[in-house]
Amino acid sequence: MAGNGSNRSNFLRGFLIGSFLGALAGILFAPKSGKELRAELKQKGEEAFDEAKHLYSEARSKANAILEEGRHKAKEILKEAEEEASVVMKEAKTKVKKVKEATEAGIEAAKHKLSKEEEKDETEA
């Protein structure tokens, strides 16, 4: 199957090259004067150059449009990532606050228990 596409590509390339060479031979061997032939070659050259400029302009416009779309999508993805990171940071801060509160409550409970044990030891002594 892959060879089939290559054969078509080779055929198309050969066809285009053959067409170009045939047109060139027709121009060169046509019964025209040198002046007419040079004028026609110049005209054909200018037409080919203008077409190439047009194709270049179109390709450049399409490439710029693709790049702009890529930039836009990248900005959207970055914005979404920042929003998700913000949510995660808020959740992390909430959890850290809960751990801090639990630690402080544990310390207070340990202090209270320790002071009760000290009071008990003093009353026994």
PDB file of N, CA and C in Angstrom:
ATOM      1  N   MET A   1       0.821  -1.187   0.000  1.00  0.00           N
ATOM      2  CA  MET A   1       0.000   0.000   0.000  1.00  0.00           C
ATOM      3  C   MET A   1       0.866   1.252   0.000  1.00  0.00           C
ATOM      4  N   ALA A   2       1.960   1.245   0.803  1.00  0.00           N
ATOM      5  CA  ALA A   2       2.840   2.408   0.857  1.00  0.00           C
ATOM      6  C   ALA A   2       3.554   2.591  -0.473  1.00  0.00           C
ATOM      7  N   GLY A   3       3.899   1.517  -1.142  1.00  0.00           N
ATOM      8  CA  GLY A   3       4.562   1.595  -2.437  1.00  0.00           C
ATOM      9  C   GLY A   3       3.651   2.199  -3.483  1.00  0.00           C
ATOM     10  N   ASN A   4       2.354   1.993  -3.355  1.00  0.00           N
ATOM     11  CA  ASN A   4       1.388   2.527  -4.297  1.00  0.00           C
ATOM     12  C   ASN A   4       1.404   4.049  -4.270  1.00  0.00           C
ATOM     13  N   GLY A   5       1.454   4.646  -3.095  1.00  0.00           N
ATOM     14  CA  GLY A   5       1.518   6.105  -2.969  1.00  0.00           C
ATOM     15  C   GLY A   5       2.810   6.639  -3.533  1.00  0.00           C
ATOM     16  N   SER A   6       3.899   5.896  -3.347  1.00  0.00           N
ATOM     17  CA  SER A   6       5.189   6.310  -3.881  1.00  0.00           C
ATOM     18  C   SER A   6       5.176   6.267  -5.399  1.00  0.00           C
ATOM     19  N   ASN A   7       4.541   5.244  -5.967  1.00  0.00           N
ATOM     20  CA  ASN A   7       4.435   5.138  -7.420  1.00  0.00           C
ATOM     21  C   ASN A   7       3.646   6.312  -7.996  1.00  0.00           C
ATOM     22  N   ARG A   8       2.577   6.686  -7.323  1.00  0.00           N
ATOM     23  CA  ARG A   8       1.777   7.821  -7.784  1.00  0.00           C
ATOM     24  C   ARG A   8       2.594   9.100  -7.709  1.00  0.00           C
ATOM     25  N   SER A   9       3.326   9.252  -6.616  1.00  0.00           N
ATOM     26  CA  SER A   9       4.156  10.440  -6.447  1.00  0.00           C
ATOM     27  C   SER A   9       5.219  10.506  -7.535  1.00  0.00           C
ATOM     28  N   ASN A  10       5.852   9.379  -7.815  1.00  0.00           N
ATOM     29  CA  ASN A  10       6.875   9.344  -8.864  1.00  0.00           C
ATOM     30  C   ASN A  10       6.257   9.627 -10.231  1.00  0.00           C
ATOM     31  N   PHE A  11       5.080   9.067 -10.483  1.00  0.00           N
ATOM     32  CA  PHE A  11       4.403   9.307 -11.747  1.00  0.00           C
ATOM     33  C   PHE A  11       4.079  10.784 -11.904  1.00  0.00           C
ATOM     34  N   LEU A  12       3.532  11.388 -10.841  1.00  0.00           N
ATOM     35  CA  LEU A  12       3.169  12.802 -10.886  1.00  0.00           C
ATOM     36  C   LEU A  12       4.407  13.667 -11.103  1.00  0.00           C
ATOM     37  N   ARG A  13       5.480  13.360 -10.402  1.00  0.00           N
ATOM     38  CA  ARG A  13       6.734  14.105 -10.560  1.00  0.00           C
ATOM     39  C   ARG A  13       7.234  13.987 -12.008  1.00  0.00           C
ATOM     40  N   GLY A  14       7.240  12.793 -12.547  1.00  0.00           N
ATOM     41  CA  GLY A  14       7.664  12.570 -13.926  1.00  0.00           C
ATOM     42  C   GLY A  14       6.772  13.291 -14.925  1.00  0.00           C
ATOM     43  N   PHE A  15       5.469  13.256 -14.658  1.00  0.00           N
ATOM     44  CA  PHE A  15       4.521  13.934 -15.534  1.00  0.00           C
ATOM     45  C   PHE A  15       4.780  15.437 -15.548  1.00  0.00           C
ATOM     46  N   LEU A  16       4.990  16.027 -14.376  1.00  0.00           N
ATOM     47  CA  LEU A  16       5.236  17.471 -14.291  1.00  0.00           C
ATOM     48  C   LEU A  16       6.552  17.857 -14.964  1.00  0.00           C
ATOM     49  N   ILE A  17       7.584  17.084 -14.721  1.00  0.00           N
ATOM     50  CA  ILE A  17       8.880  17.374 -15.340  1.00  0.00           C
ATOM     51  C   ILE A  17       8.784  17.226 -16.855  1.00  0.00           C
ATOM     52  N   GLY A  18       8.133  16.177 -17.307  1.00  0.00           N
ATOM     53  CA  GLY A  18       7.947  15.962 -18.743  1.00  0.00           C
ATOM     54  C   GLY A  18       7.135  17.078 -19.378  1.00  0.00           C
ATOM     55  N   SER A  19       6.090  17.518 -18.706  1.00  0.00           N
ATOM     56  CA  SER A  19       5.273  18.621 -19.227  1.00  0.00           C
ATOM     57  C   SER A  19       6.102  19.884 -19.353  1.00  0.00           C
ATOM     58  N   PHE A  20       6.894  20.180 -18.337  1.00  0.00           N
ATOM     59  CA  PHE A  20       7.743  21.373 -18.363  1.00  0.00           C
ATOM     60  C   PHE A  20       8.751  21.301 -19.504  1.00  0.00           C
ATOM     61  N   LEU A  21       9.412  20.151 -19.622  1.00  0.00           N
ATOM     62  CA  LEU A  21      10.407  20.002 -20.687  1.00  0.00           C
ATOM     63  C   LEU A  21       9.761  20.063 -22.068  1.00  0.00           C
ATOM     64  N   GLY A  22       8.583  19.496 -22.198  1.00  0.00           N
ATOM     65  CA  GLY A  22       7.869  19.546 -23.467  1.00  0.00           C
ATOM     66  C   GLY A  22       7.481  20.973 -23.833  1.00  0.00           C
ATOM     67  N   ALA A  23       7.003  21.725 -22.850  1.00  0.00           N
ATOM     68  CA  ALA A  23       6.643  23.121 -23.107  1.00  0.00           C
ATOM     69  C   ALA A  23       7.869  23.931 -23.476  1.00  0.00           C
ATOM     70  N   LEU A  24       8.965  23.688 -22.765  1.00  0.00           N
ATOM     71  CA  LEU A  24      10.214  24.394 -23.058  1.00  0.00           C
ATOM     72  C   LEU A  24      10.707  24.060 -24.468  1.00  0.00           C
ATOM     73  N   ALA A  25      10.643  22.787 -24.838  1.00  0.00           N
ATOM     74  CA  ALA A  25      11.075  22.386 -26.189  1.00  0.00           C
ATOM     75  C   ALA A  25      10.174  23.019 -27.237  1.00  0.00           C
ATOM     76  N   GLY A  26       8.875  23.075 -26.970  1.00  0.00           N
ATOM     77  CA  GLY A  26       7.943  23.691 -27.914  1.00  0.00           C
ATOM     78  C   GLY A  26       8.244  25.166 -28.112  1.00  0.00           C
ATOM     79  N   ILE A  27       8.586  25.841 -27.018  1.00  0.00           N
ATOM     80  CA  ILE A  27       8.918  27.267 -27.122  1.00  0.00           C
ATOM     81  C   ILE A  27      10.218  27.447 -27.892  1.00  0.00           C
ATOM     82  N   LEU A  28      11.208  26.632 -27.564  1.00  0.00           N
ATOM     83  CA  LEU A  28      12.518  26.782 -28.185  1.00  0.00           C
ATOM     84  C   LEU A  28      12.516  26.423 -29.673  1.00  0.00           C
ATOM     85  N   PHE A  29      11.711  25.450 -30.058  1.00  0.00           N
ATOM     86  CA  PHE A  29      11.721  24.999 -31.445  1.00  0.00           C
ATOM     87  C   PHE A  29      10.575  25.584 -32.274  1.00  0.00           C
ATOM     88  N   ALA A  30       9.824  26.498 -31.692  1.00  0.00           N
ATOM     89  CA  ALA A  30       8.734  27.131 -32.442  1.00  0.00           C
ATOM     90  C   ALA A  30       9.326  28.056 -33.510  1.00  0.00           C
ATOM     91  N   PRO A  31       8.645  28.160 -34.630  1.00  0.00           N
ATOM     92  CA  PRO A  31       9.173  29.010 -35.707  1.00  0.00           C
ATOM     93  C   PRO A  31       8.918  30.498 -35.425  1.00  0.00           C
ATOM     94  N   LYS A  32       9.693  31.043 -34.495  1.00  0.00           N
ATOM     95  CA  LYS A  32       9.579  32.454 -34.150  1.00  0.00           C
ATOM     96  C   LYS A  32      10.950  33.083 -34.275  1.00  0.00           C
ATOM     97  N   SER A  33      10.924  34.381 -34.386  1.00  0.00           N
ATOM     98  CA  SER A  33      12.210  35.081 -34.443  1.00  0.00           C
ATOM     99  C   SER A  33      12.822  35.120 -33.051  1.00  0.00           C
ATOM    100  N   GLY A  34      14.090  35.380 -32.988  1.00  0.00           N
ATOM    101  CA  GLY A  34      14.784  35.460 -31.699  1.00  0.00           C
ATOM    102  C   GLY A  34      14.195  36.527 -30.801  1.00  0.00           C
ATOM    103  N   LYS A  35      13.818  37.645 -31.384  1.00  0.00           N
ATOM    104  CA  LYS A  35      13.238  38.740 -30.613  1.00  0.00           C
ATOM    105  C   LYS A  35      11.898  38.310 -30.007  1.00  0.00           C
ATOM    106  N   GLU A  36      11.048  37.681 -30.829  1.00  0.00           N
ATOM    107  CA  GLU A  36       9.756  37.198 -30.335  1.00  0.00           C
ATOM    108  C   GLU A  36       9.941  36.137 -29.260  1.00  0.00           C
ATOM    109  N   LEU A  37      10.876  35.236 -29.481  1.00  0.00           N
ATOM    110  CA  LEU A  37      11.143  34.159 -28.535  1.00  0.00           C
ATOM    111  C   LEU A  37      11.630  34.730 -27.205  1.00  0.00           C
ATOM    112  N   ARG A  38      12.547  35.668 -27.255  1.00  0.00           N
ATOM    113  CA  ARG A  38      13.052  36.287 -26.013  1.00  0.00           C
ATOM    114  C   ARG A  38      11.933  37.010 -25.279  1.00  0.00           C
ATOM    115  N   ALA A  39      11.076  37.710 -26.019  1.00  0.00           N
ATOM    116  CA  ALA A  39       9.953  38.424 -25.397  1.00  0.00           C
ATOM    117  C   ALA A  39       8.997  37.441 -24.729  1.00  0.00           C
ATOM    118  N   GLU A  40       8.723  36.338 -25.427  1.00  0.00           N
ATOM    119  CA  GLU A  40       7.824  35.334 -24.848  1.00  0.00           C
ATOM    120  C   GLU A  40       8.451  34.674 -23.625  1.00  0.00           C
ATOM    121  N   LEU A  41       9.737  34.346 -23.707  1.00  0.00           N
ATOM    122  CA  LEU A  41      10.422  33.758 -22.547  1.00  0.00           C
ATOM    123  C   LEU A  41      10.406  34.716 -21.361  1.00  0.00           C
ATOM    124  N   LYS A  42      10.626  35.991 -21.643  1.00  0.00           N
ATOM    125  CA  LYS A  42      10.597  36.991 -20.579  1.00  0.00           C
ATOM    126  C   LYS A  42       9.209  37.048 -19.949  1.00  0.00           C
ATOM    127  N   GLN A  43       8.176  37.067 -20.796  1.00  0.00           N
ATOM    128  CA  GLN A  43       6.801  37.117 -20.297  1.00  0.00           C
ATOM    129  C   GLN A  43       6.483  35.881 -19.450  1.00  0.00           C
ATOM    130  N   LYS A  44       6.846  34.713 -19.956  1.00  0.00           N
ATOM    131  CA  LYS A  44       6.586  33.467 -19.217  1.00  0.00           C
ATOM    132  C   LYS A  44       7.353  33.466 -17.890  1.00  0.00           C
ATOM    133  N   GLY A  45       8.578  33.960 -17.915  1.00  0.00           N
ATOM    134  CA  GLY A  45       9.373  34.045 -16.689  1.00  0.00           C
ATOM    135  C   GLY A  45       8.725  34.962 -15.669  1.00  0.00           C
ATOM    136  N   GLU A  46       8.224  36.107 -16.132  1.00  0.00           N
ATOM    137  CA  GLU A  46       7.555  37.038 -15.225  1.00  0.00           C
ATOM    138  C   GLU A  46       6.279  36.429 -14.665  1.00  0.00           C
ATOM    139  N   GLU A  47       5.529  35.726 -15.513  1.00  0.00           N
ATOM    140  CA  GLU A  47       4.309  35.062 -15.049  1.00  0.00           C
ATOM    141  C   GLU A  47       4.633  34.012 -13.990  1.00  0.00           C
ATOM    142  N   ALA A  48       5.680  33.222 -14.244  1.00  0.00           N
ATOM    143  CA  ALA A  48       6.078  32.191 -13.281  1.00  0.00           C
ATOM    144  C   ALA A  48       6.521  32.843 -11.974  1.00  0.00           C
ATOM    145  N   PHE A  49       7.270  33.945 -12.075  1.00  0.00           N
ATOM    146  CA  PHE A  49       7.733  34.650 -10.877  1.00  0.00           C
ATOM    147  C   PHE A  49       6.549  35.207 -10.088  1.00  0.00           C
ATOM    148  N   ASP A  50       5.587  35.807 -10.798  1.00  0.00           N
ATOM    149  CA  ASP A  50       4.397  36.350 -10.127  1.00  0.00           C
ATOM    150  C   ASP A  50       3.602  35.244  -9.433  1.00  0.00           C
ATOM    151  N   GLU A  51       3.482  34.114 -10.104  1.00  0.00           N
ATOM    152  CA  GLU A  51       2.763  32.974  -9.504  1.00  0.00           C
ATOM    153  C   GLU A  51       3.494  32.471  -8.255  1.00  0.00           C
ATOM    154  N   ALA A  52       4.821  32.406  -8.332  1.00  0.00           N
ATOM    155  CA  ALA A  52       5.602  31.973  -7.176  1.00  0.00           C
ATOM    156  C   ALA A  52       5.434  32.955  -6.015  1.00  0.00           C
ATOM    157  N   LYS A  53       5.426  34.257  -6.314  1.00  0.00           N
ATOM    158  CA  LYS A  53       5.205  35.256  -5.262  1.00  0.00           C
ATOM    159  C   LYS A  53       3.827  35.087  -4.633  1.00  0.00           C
ATOM    160  N   HIS A  54       2.835  34.820  -5.468  1.00  0.00           N
ATOM    161  CA  HIS A  54       1.473  34.625  -4.976  1.00  0.00           C
ATOM    162  C   HIS A  54       1.400  33.389  -4.066  1.00  0.00           C
ATOM    163  N   LEU A  55       1.989  32.294  -4.525  1.00  0.00           N
ATOM    164  CA  LEU A  55       1.986  31.069  -3.717  1.00  0.00           C
ATOM    165  C   LEU A  55       2.723  31.279  -2.397  1.00  0.00           C
ATOM    166  N   TYR A  56       3.848  31.997  -2.442  1.00  0.00           N
ATOM    167  CA  TYR A  56       4.607  32.299  -1.225  1.00  0.00           C
ATOM    168  C   TYR A  56       3.759  33.115  -0.264  1.00  0.00           C
ATOM    169  N   SER A  57       3.057  34.111  -0.794  1.00  0.00           N
ATOM    170  CA  SER A  57       2.210  34.963   0.037  1.00  0.00           C
ATOM    171  C   SER A  57       1.100  34.154   0.703  1.00  0.00           C
ATOM    172  N   GLU A  58       0.474  33.281  -0.064  1.00  0.00           N
ATOM    173  CA  GLU A  58      -0.586  32.420   0.488  1.00  0.00           C
ATOM    174  C   GLU A  58      -0.039  31.499   1.568  1.00  0.00           C
ATOM    175  N   ALA A  59       1.111  30.875   1.298  1.00  0.00           N
ATOM    176  CA  ALA A  59       1.709  29.958   2.271  1.00  0.00           C
ATOM    177  C   ALA A  59       2.074  30.708   3.544  1.00  0.00           C
ATOM    178  N   ARG A  60       2.602  31.892   3.397  1.00  0.00           N
ATOM    179  CA  ARG A  60       2.985  32.689   4.566  1.00  0.00           C
ATOM    180  C   ARG A  60       1.746  33.057   5.384  1.00  0.00           C
ATOM    181  N   SER A  61       0.672  33.457   4.722  1.00  0.00           N
ATOM    182  CA  SER A  61      -0.571  33.799   5.422  1.00  0.00           C
ATOM    183  C   SER A  61      -1.117  32.591   6.178  1.00  0.00           C
ATOM    184  N   LYS A  62      -1.110  31.445   5.517  1.00  0.00           N
ATOM    185  CA  LYS A  62      -1.610  30.230   6.175  1.00  0.00           C
ATOM    186  C   LYS A  62      -0.733  29.852   7.358  1.00  0.00           C
ATOM    187  N   ALA A  63       0.583  29.971   7.204  1.00  0.00           N
ATOM    188  CA  ALA A  63       1.505  29.651   8.306  1.00  0.00           C
ATOM    189  C   ALA A  63       1.279  30.604   9.478  1.00  0.00           C
ATOM    190  N   ASN A  64       1.084  31.891   9.189  1.00  0.00           N
ATOM    191  CA  ASN A  64       0.816  32.856  10.263  1.00  0.00           C
ATOM    192  C   ASN A  64      -0.496  32.544  10.968  1.00  0.00           C
ATOM    193  N   ALA A  65      -1.507  32.144  10.214  1.00  0.00           N
ATOM    194  CA  ALA A  65      -2.791  31.788  10.819  1.00  0.00           C
ATOM    195  C   ALA A  65      -2.629  30.567  11.727  1.00  0.00           C
ATOM    196  N   ILE A  66      -1.874  29.582  11.281  1.00  0.00           N
ATOM    197  CA  ILE A  66      -1.638  28.377  12.088  1.00  0.00           C
ATOM    198  C   ILE A  66      -0.873  28.733  13.355  1.00  0.00           C
ATOM    199  N   LEU A  67       0.150  29.568  13.217  1.00  0.00           N
ATOM    200  CA  LEU A  67       0.919  29.990  14.392  1.00  0.00           C
ATOM    201  C   LEU A  67       0.052  30.758  15.382  1.00  0.00           C
ATOM    202  N   GLU A  68      -0.780  31.641  14.882  1.00  0.00           N
ATOM    203  CA  GLU A  68      -1.650  32.428  15.759  1.00  0.00           C
ATOM    204  C   GLU A  68      -2.639  31.520  16.493  1.00  0.00           C
ATOM    205  N   GLU A  69      -3.171  30.545  15.779  1.00  0.00           N
ATOM    206  CA  GLU A  69      -4.089  29.594  16.419  1.00  0.00           C
ATOM    207  C   GLU A  69      -3.353  28.799  17.501  1.00  0.00           C
ATOM    208  N   GLY A  70      -2.124  28.403  17.209  1.00  0.00           N
ATOM    209  CA  GLY A  70      -1.316  27.686  18.206  1.00  0.00           C
ATOM    210  C   GLY A  70      -1.047  28.540  19.429  1.00  0.00           C
ATOM    211  N   ARG A  71      -0.720  29.804  19.215  1.00  0.00           N
ATOM    212  CA  ARG A  71      -0.503  30.714  20.353  1.00  0.00           C
ATOM    213  C   ARG A  71      -1.766  30.842  21.192  1.00  0.00           C
ATOM    214  N   HIS A  72      -2.894  30.992  20.513  1.00  0.00           N
ATOM    215  CA  HIS A  72      -4.166  31.142  21.218  1.00  0.00           C
ATOM    216  C   HIS A  72      -4.476  29.901  22.066  1.00  0.00           C
ATOM    217  N   LYS A  73      -4.286  28.745  21.468  1.00  0.00           N
ATOM    218  CA  LYS A  73      -4.543  27.496  22.205  1.00  0.00           C
ATOM    219  C   LYS A  73      -3.585  27.345  23.379  1.00  0.00           C
ATOM    220  N   ALA A  74      -2.323  27.716  23.173  1.00  0.00           N
ATOM    221  CA  ALA A  74      -1.343  27.625  24.257  1.00  0.00           C
ATOM    222  C   ALA A  74      -1.740  28.540  25.413  1.00  0.00           C
ATOM    223  N   LYS A  75      -2.224  29.736  25.095  1.00  0.00           N
ATOM    224  CA  LYS A  75      -2.675  30.663  26.150  1.00  0.00           C
ATOM    225  C   LYS A  75      -3.863  30.089  26.905  1.00  0.00           C
ATOM    226  N   GLU A  76      -4.786  29.475  26.176  1.00  0.00           N
ATOM    227  CA  GLU A  76      -5.954  28.862  26.822  1.00  0.00           C
ATOM    228  C   GLU A  76      -5.524  27.741  27.766  1.00  0.00           C
ATOM    229  N   ILE A  77      -4.609  26.900  27.298  1.00  0.00           N
ATOM    230  CA  ILE A  77      -4.131  25.780  28.116  1.00  0.00           C
ATOM    231  C   ILE A  77      -3.420  26.308  29.357  1.00  0.00           C
ATOM    232  N   LEU A  78      -2.601  27.331  29.181  1.00  0.00           N
ATOM    233  CA  LEU A  78      -1.882  27.924  30.311  1.00  0.00           C
ATOM    234  C   LEU A  78      -2.853  28.523  31.312  1.00  0.00           C
ATOM    235  N   LYS A  79      -3.876  29.200  30.828  1.00  0.00           N
ATOM    236  CA  LYS A  79      -4.873  29.794  31.721  1.00  0.00           C
ATOM    237  C   LYS A  79      -5.591  28.709  32.519  1.00  0.00           C
ATOM    238  N   GLU A  80      -5.980  27.630  31.843  1.00  0.00           N
ATOM    239  CA  GLU A  80      -6.640  26.518  32.535  1.00  0.00           C
ATOM    240  C   GLU A  80      -5.720  25.907  33.585  1.00  0.00           C
ATOM    241  N   ALA A  81      -4.451  25.754  33.244  1.00  0.00           N
ATOM    242  CA  ALA A  81      -3.493  25.182  34.193  1.00  0.00           C
ATOM    243  C   ALA A  81      -3.328  26.092  35.401  1.00  0.00           C
ATOM    244  N   GLU A  82      -3.278  27.404  35.171  1.00  0.00           N
ATOM    245  CA  GLU A  82      -3.159  28.349  36.290  1.00  0.00           C
ATOM    246  C   GLU A  82      -4.389  28.276  37.191  1.00  0.00           C
ATOM    247  N   GLU A  83      -5.571  28.161  36.578  1.00  0.00           N
ATOM    248  CA  GLU A  83      -6.796  28.053  37.367  1.00  0.00           C
ATOM    249  C   GLU A  83      -6.791  26.774  38.201  1.00  0.00           C
ATOM    250  N   GLU A  84      -6.375  25.662  37.593  1.00  0.00           N
ATOM    251  CA  GLU A  84      -6.319  24.394  38.329  1.00  0.00           C
ATOM    252  C   GLU A  84      -5.280  24.470  39.442  1.00  0.00           C
ATOM    253  N   ALA A  85      -4.146  25.100  39.163  1.00  0.00           N
ATOM    254  CA  ALA A  85      -3.108  25.251  40.189  1.00  0.00           C
ATOM    255  C   ALA A  85      -3.620  26.099  41.341  1.00  0.00           C
ATOM    256  N   SER A  86      -4.408  27.113  41.035  1.00  0.00           N
ATOM    257  CA  SER A  86      -4.974  27.963  42.072  1.00  0.00           C
ATOM    258  C   SER A  86      -5.911  27.165  42.974  1.00  0.00           C
ATOM    259  N   VAL A  87      -6.734  26.327  42.364  1.00  0.00           N
ATOM    260  CA  VAL A  87      -7.653  25.484  43.143  1.00  0.00           C
ATOM    261  C   VAL A  87      -6.857  24.534  44.045  1.00  0.00           C
ATOM    262  N   VAL A  88      -5.824  23.917  43.481  1.00  0.00           N
ATOM    263  CA  VAL A  88      -4.999  22.982  44.259  1.00  0.00           C
ATOM    264  C   VAL A  88      -4.318  23.717  45.420  1.00  0.00           C
ATOM    265  N   MET A  89      -3.826  24.923  45.153  1.00  0.00           N
ATOM    266  CA  MET A  89      -3.168  25.707  46.209  1.00  0.00           C
ATOM    267  C   MET A  89      -4.152  26.035  47.323  1.00  0.00           C
ATOM    268  N   LYS A  90      -5.371  26.410  46.969  1.00  0.00           N
ATOM    269  CA  LYS A  90      -6.385  26.708  47.991  1.00  0.00           C
ATOM    270  C   LYS A  90      -6.677  25.474  48.835  1.00  0.00           C
ATOM    271  N   GLU A  91      -6.819  24.333  48.160  1.00  0.00           N
ATOM    272  CA  GLU A  91      -7.074  23.084  48.890  1.00  0.00           C
ATOM    273  C   GLU A  91      -5.900  22.749  49.809  1.00  0.00           C
ATOM    274  N   ALA A  92      -4.682  22.943  49.322  1.00  0.00           N
ATOM    275  CA  ALA A  92      -3.503  22.651  50.128  1.00  0.00           C
ATOM    276  C   ALA A  92      -3.453  23.576  51.335  1.00  0.00           C
ATOM    277  N   LYS A  93      -3.740  24.863  51.158  1.00  0.00           N
ATOM    278  CA  LYS A  93      -3.740  25.808  52.278  1.00  0.00           C
ATOM    279  C   LYS A  93      -4.779  25.423  53.322  1.00  0.00           C
ATOM    280  N   THR A  94      -5.956  24.988  52.843  1.00  0.00           N
ATOM    281  CA  THR A  94      -7.013  24.558  53.766  1.00  0.00           C
ATOM    282  C   THR A  94      -6.559  23.349  54.568  1.00  0.00           C
ATOM    283  N   LYS A  95      -5.931  22.399  53.900  1.00  0.00           N
ATOM    284  CA  LYS A  95      -5.463  21.200  54.601  1.00  0.00           C
ATOM    285  C   LYS A  95      -4.335  21.528  55.568  1.00  0.00           C
ATOM    286  N   VAL A  96      -3.430  22.412  55.165  1.00  0.00           N
ATOM    287  CA  VAL A  96      -2.343  22.819  56.068  1.00  0.00           C
ATOM    288  C   VAL A  96      -2.927  23.500  57.289  1.00  0.00           C
ATOM    289  N   LYS A  97      -3.940  24.345  57.094  1.00  0.00           N
ATOM    290  CA  LYS A  97      -4.582  25.034  58.217  1.00  0.00           C
ATOM    291  C   LYS A  97      -5.218  24.016  59.169  1.00  0.00           C
ATOM    292  N   LYS A  98      -5.877  22.996  58.612  1.00  0.00           N
ATOM    293  CA  LYS A  98      -6.498  21.970  59.449  1.00  0.00           C
ATOM    294  C   LYS A  98      -5.439  21.191  60.236  1.00  0.00           C
ATOM    295  N   VAL A  99      -4.318  20.879  59.575  1.00  0.00           N
ATOM    296  CA  VAL A  99      -3.237  20.154  60.266  1.00  0.00           C
ATOM    297  C   VAL A  99      -2.666  21.026  61.375  1.00  0.00           C
ATOM    298  N   LYS A 100      -2.491  22.307  61.104  1.00  0.00           N
ATOM    299  CA  LYS A 100      -1.961  23.233  62.115  1.00  0.00           C
ATOM    300  C   LYS A 100      -2.908  23.321  63.305  1.00  0.00           C
ATOM    301  N   GLU A 101      -4.209  23.434  63.020  1.00  0.00           N
ATOM    302  CA  GLU A 101      -5.198  23.500  64.093  1.00  0.00           C
ATOM    303  C   GLU A 101      -5.205  22.209  64.905  1.00  0.00           C
ATOM    304  N   ALA A 102      -5.115  21.082  64.208  1.00  0.00           N
ATOM    305  CA  ALA A 102      -5.103  19.791  64.911  1.00  0.00           C
ATOM    306  C   ALA A 102      -3.850  19.664  65.769  1.00  0.00           C
ATOM    307  N   THR A 103      -2.709  20.133  65.241  1.00  0.00           N
ATOM    308  CA  THR A 103      -1.461  20.082  66.005  1.00  0.00           C
ATOM    309  C   THR A 103      -1.564  20.961  67.243  1.00  0.00           C
ATOM    310  N   GLU A 104      -2.095  22.175  67.075  1.00  0.00           N
ATOM    311  CA  GLU A 104      -2.248  23.075  68.217  1.00  0.00           C
ATOM    312  C   GLU A 104      -3.201  22.486  69.254  1.00  0.00           C
ATOM    313  N   ALA A 105      -4.284  21.847  68.793  1.00  0.00           N
ATOM    314  CA  ALA A 105      -5.232  21.215  69.726  1.00  0.00           C
ATOM    315  C   ALA A 105      -4.558  20.071  70.467  1.00  0.00           C
ATOM    316  N   GLY A 106      -3.730  19.306  69.719  1.00  0.00           N
ATOM    317  CA  GLY A 106      -3.006  18.208  70.370  1.00  0.00           C
ATOM    318  C   GLY A 106      -2.024  18.721  71.415  1.00  0.00           C
ATOM    319  N   ILE A 107      -1.341  19.810  71.102  1.00  0.00           N
ATOM    320  CA  ILE A 107      -0.390  20.396  72.060  1.00  0.00           C
ATOM    321  C   ILE A 107      -1.134  20.891  73.290  1.00  0.00           C
ATOM    322  N   GLU A 108      -2.257  21.554  73.084  1.00  0.00           N
ATOM    323  CA  GLU A 108      -3.051  22.049  74.217  1.00  0.00           C
ATOM    324  C   GLU A 108      -3.545  20.883  75.072  1.00  0.00           C
ATOM    325  N   ALA A 109      -3.981  19.800  74.419  1.00  0.00           N
ATOM    326  CA  ALA A 109      -4.463  18.634  75.157  1.00  0.00           C
ATOM    327  C   ALA A 109      -3.320  18.017  75.956  1.00  0.00           C
ATOM    328  N   ALA A 110      -2.126  17.951  75.330  1.00  0.00           N
ATOM    329  CA  ALA A 110      -0.967  17.387  76.035  1.00  0.00           C
ATOM    330  C   ALA A 110      -0.581  18.274  77.212  1.00  0.00           C
ATOM    331  N   LYS A 111      -0.615  19.591  77.052  1.00  0.00           N
ATOM    332  CA  LYS A 111      -0.301  20.516  78.153  1.00  0.00           C
ATOM    333  C   LYS A 111      -1.300  20.340  79.295  1.00  0.00           C
ATOM    334  N   HIS A 112      -2.561  20.245  78.922  1.00  0.00           N
ATOM    335  CA  HIS A 112      -3.608  20.097  79.939  1.00  0.00           C
ATOM    336  C   HIS A 112      -3.418  18.788  80.712  1.00  0.00           C
ATOM    337  N   LYS A 113      -3.153  17.722  79.985  1.00  0.00           N
ATOM    338  CA  LYS A 113      -2.952  16.427  80.634  1.00  0.00           C
ATOM    339  C   LYS A 113      -1.714  16.467  81.514  1.00  0.00           C
ATOM    340  N   LEU A 114      -0.642  17.087  81.039  1.00  0.00           N
ATOM    341  CA  LEU A 114       0.592  17.188  81.788  1.00  0.00           C
ATOM    342  C   LEU A 114       0.376  17.999  83.064  1.00  0.00           C
ATOM    343  N   SER A 115      -0.371  19.083  82.964  1.00  0.00           N
ATOM    344  CA  SER A 115      -0.613  19.893  84.159  1.00  0.00           C
ATOM    345  C   SER A 115      -1.468  19.127  85.161  1.00  0.00           C
ATOM    346  N   LYS A 116      -2.419  18.310  84.693  1.00  0.00           N
ATOM    347  CA  LYS A 116      -3.229  17.490  85.608  1.00  0.00           C
ATOM    348  C   LYS A 116      -2.368  16.455  86.310  1.00  0.00           C
ATOM    349  N   GLU A 117      -1.432  15.853  85.541  1.00  0.00           N
ATOM    350  CA  GLU A 117      -0.545  14.857  86.147  1.00  0.00           C
ATOM    351  C   GLU A 117       0.365  15.515  87.179  1.00  0.00           C
ATOM    352  N   GLU A 118       0.822  16.733  86.880  1.00  0.00           N
ATOM    353  CA  GLU A 118       1.682  17.440  87.840  1.00  0.00           C
ATOM    354  C   GLU A 118       0.891  17.772  89.102  1.00  0.00           C
ATOM    355  N   GLU A 119      -0.365  18.208  88.925  1.00  0.00           N
ATOM    356  CA  GLU A 119      -1.215  18.511  90.100  1.00  0.00           C
ATOM    357  C   GLU A 119      -1.426  17.250  90.927  1.00  0.00           C
ATOM    358  N   LYS A 120      -1.652  16.136  90.243  1.00  0.00           N
ATOM    359  CA  LYS A 120      -1.879  14.866  90.934  1.00  0.00           C
ATOM    360  C   LYS A 120      -0.642  14.473  91.710  1.00  0.00           C
ATOM    361  N   ASP A 121       0.556  14.650  91.077  1.00  0.00           N
ATOM    362  CA  ASP A 121       1.803  14.311  91.756  1.00  0.00           C
ATOM    363  C   ASP A 121       2.010  15.228  92.954  1.00  0.00           C
ATOM    364  N   GLU A 122       1.652  16.466  92.886  1.00  0.00           N
ATOM    365  CA  GLU A 122       1.841  17.404  93.996  1.00  0.00           C
ATOM    366  C   GLU A 122       0.900  17.067  95.136  1.00  0.00           C
ATOM    367  N   THR A 123      -0.306  16.656  94.836  1.00  0.00           N
ATOM    368  CA  THR A 123      -1.245  16.315  95.906  1.00  0.00           C
ATOM    369  C   THR A 123      -0.874  15.007  96.573  1.00  0.00           C
ATOM    370  N   GLU A 124      -0.263  14.141  95.875  1.00  0.00           N
ATOM    371  CA  GLU A 124       0.146  12.864  96.439  1.00  0.00           C
ATOM    372  C   GLU A 124       1.397  13.041  97.287  1.00  0.00           C
ATOM    373  N   ALA A 125       2.164  14.028  96.953  1.00  0.00           N
ATOM    374  CA  ALA A 125       3.425  14.210  97.665  1.00  0.00           C
ATOM    375  C   ALA A 125       3.214  14.883  98.937  1.00  0.00           C
TER     376      ALA A 125
END
